[in-house]
Amino acid sequence: MSAQLVCLTLIAAQSLRQELFDYLSEQGDLASGFTASDVAGHGPDVLLQTSAEQVKGHANELMVRLILRTQDAAQLVERLKTAFVGSKIVYWIMPVSEFGVIDLPNG
């Protein structure tokens, strides 16, 4: 039986981009890689930090997704809580029913 995979999603301020990327890249014992994209944060708890964000009505944020084993996701979240205390990074973990790579056929 294979280990259950999950998707760990992190939402962080753009100002944390490089620090978070560097940190995640150092966590090779738990995660082999991640995908990141820029997102627009909306909601009553979202801090609009610049006048441009206040005009637009949303915060420019960063979303990072990692596919990893359930226990590795839990351990990574605990590490993030220590390394990024006070950063207001939002996270959630969802099960992954299938994960793979579509590659060129052999031959």
Protein backbone atom coordinates (compact mmCIF):
# COMPACT_ATOMS: atom_id res chain seq x y z
CA MET A 1 0.00 0.00 0.00
CA SER A 2 1.37 3.42 -0.94
CA ALA A 3 1.40 6.43 1.37
CA GLN A 4 -1.55 8.80 1.07
CA LEU A 5 -0.67 11.93 -0.88
CA VAL A 6 -1.98 15.40 -0.07
CA CYS A 7 -1.71 18.87 -1.56
CA LEU A 8 -0.42 21.45 0.89
CA THR A 9 -1.40 24.95 -0.21
CA LEU A 10 0.23 28.03 1.29
CA ILE A 11 -0.92 31.64 0.82
CA ALA A 12 1.66 34.24 1.78
CA ALA A 13 2.43 37.90 1.30
CA GLN A 14 4.50 38.69 -1.79
CA SER A 15 7.16 40.13 0.51
CA LEU A 16 7.88 36.58 1.73
CA ARG A 17 8.39 35.19 -1.80
CA GLN A 18 12.15 34.66 -1.86
CA GLU A 19 12.46 33.72 1.80
CA LEU A 20 9.68 31.13 1.47
CA PHE A 21 11.10 29.73 -1.79
CA ASP A 22 14.54 29.40 -0.21
CA TYR A 23 13.11 27.76 2.89
CA LEU A 24 11.00 25.25 0.95
CA SER A 25 13.96 24.42 -1.28
CA GLU A 26 15.90 23.49 1.87
CA GLN A 27 13.21 21.01 2.98
CA GLY A 28 14.28 18.25 0.58
CA ASP A 29 13.74 15.56 3.21
CA LEU A 30 9.99 16.29 3.05
CA ALA A 31 9.27 17.81 -0.37
CA SER A 32 11.05 17.49 -3.69
CA GLY A 33 9.53 20.59 -5.29
CA PHE A 34 6.65 23.01 -5.42
CA THR A 35 4.58 25.14 -7.76
CA ALA A 36 3.97 28.82 -7.14
CA SER A 37 1.75 31.48 -8.65
CA ASP A 38 0.66 35.03 -7.92
CA VAL A 39 -2.88 35.37 -6.61
CA ALA A 40 -5.28 38.12 -5.54
CA GLY A 41 -6.28 37.89 -1.88
CA HIS A 42 -9.79 38.97 -0.94
CA GLY A 43 -11.68 38.95 2.34
CA PRO A 44 -12.08 40.71 5.67
CA ASP A 45 -8.83 39.29 7.10
CA VAL A 46 -6.68 40.22 4.09
CA LEU A 47 -4.33 43.12 4.80
CA LEU A 48 -4.15 45.61 1.94
CA GLN A 49 -0.58 46.85 2.40
CA THR A 50 -0.15 49.38 -0.40
CA SER A 51 -2.28 52.18 -1.78
CA ALA A 52 -2.44 50.28 -5.10
CA GLU A 53 -3.90 47.25 -3.30
CA GLN A 54 -6.40 49.51 -1.54
CA VAL A 55 -7.52 50.95 -4.89
CA LYS A 56 -7.75 47.48 -6.49
CA GLY A 57 -9.51 46.04 -3.44
CA HIS A 58 -7.29 42.96 -3.15
CA ALA A 59 -3.85 42.03 -1.87
CA ASN A 60 -1.12 40.75 -4.17
CA GLU A 61 -0.24 37.41 -2.61
CA LEU A 62 1.67 34.25 -3.39
CA MET A 63 0.21 30.73 -3.59
CA VAL A 64 2.52 27.73 -3.23
CA ARG A 65 1.38 24.14 -3.71
CA LEU A 66 3.26 21.00 -2.76
CA ILE A 67 2.29 17.37 -3.29
CA LEU A 68 3.62 15.19 -0.50
CA ARG A 69 2.81 12.38 1.90
CA THR A 70 0.32 13.18 4.66
CA GLN A 71 2.87 12.85 7.46
CA ASP A 72 5.41 14.98 5.57
CA ALA A 73 2.82 17.74 5.07
CA ALA A 74 2.07 17.78 8.79
CA GLN A 75 5.79 17.94 9.61
CA LEU A 76 6.37 20.73 7.08
CA VAL A 77 3.51 22.78 8.53
CA GLU A 78 5.05 22.43 11.99
CA ARG A 79 8.42 23.61 10.65
CA LEU A 80 6.76 26.56 8.89
CA LYS A 81 4.99 27.55 12.11
CA THR A 82 8.39 27.83 13.79
CA ALA A 83 10.31 29.42 10.91
CA PHE A 84 7.61 31.93 9.90
CA VAL A 85 6.00 32.78 13.22
CA GLY A 86 3.88 35.94 12.90
CA SER A 87 3.91 35.84 9.08
CA LYS A 88 0.15 35.21 8.71
CA ILE A 89 0.77 32.45 6.12
CA VAL A 90 -2.55 30.71 5.45
CA TYR A 91 -2.48 26.99 4.70
CA TRP A 92 -4.72 24.05 4.00
CA ILE A 93 -4.20 20.37 3.22
CA MET A 94 -6.38 18.39 0.82
CA PRO A 95 -6.20 14.74 -0.25
CA VAL A 96 -4.85 13.92 -3.72
CA SER A 97 -6.61 11.02 -5.42
CA GLU A 98 -4.04 10.70 -8.19
CA PHE A 99 -0.68 12.23 -9.05
CA GLY A 100 1.59 11.62 -11.99
CA VAL A 101 3.47 13.03 -14.96
CA ILE A 102 2.29 12.87 -18.55
CA ASP A 103 5.38 12.06 -20.56
CA LEU A 104 6.33 11.20 -24.12
CA PRO A 105 5.59 7.59 -25.13
CA ASN A 106 8.49 5.14 -25.28
CA GLY A 107 10.00 4.45 -28.66
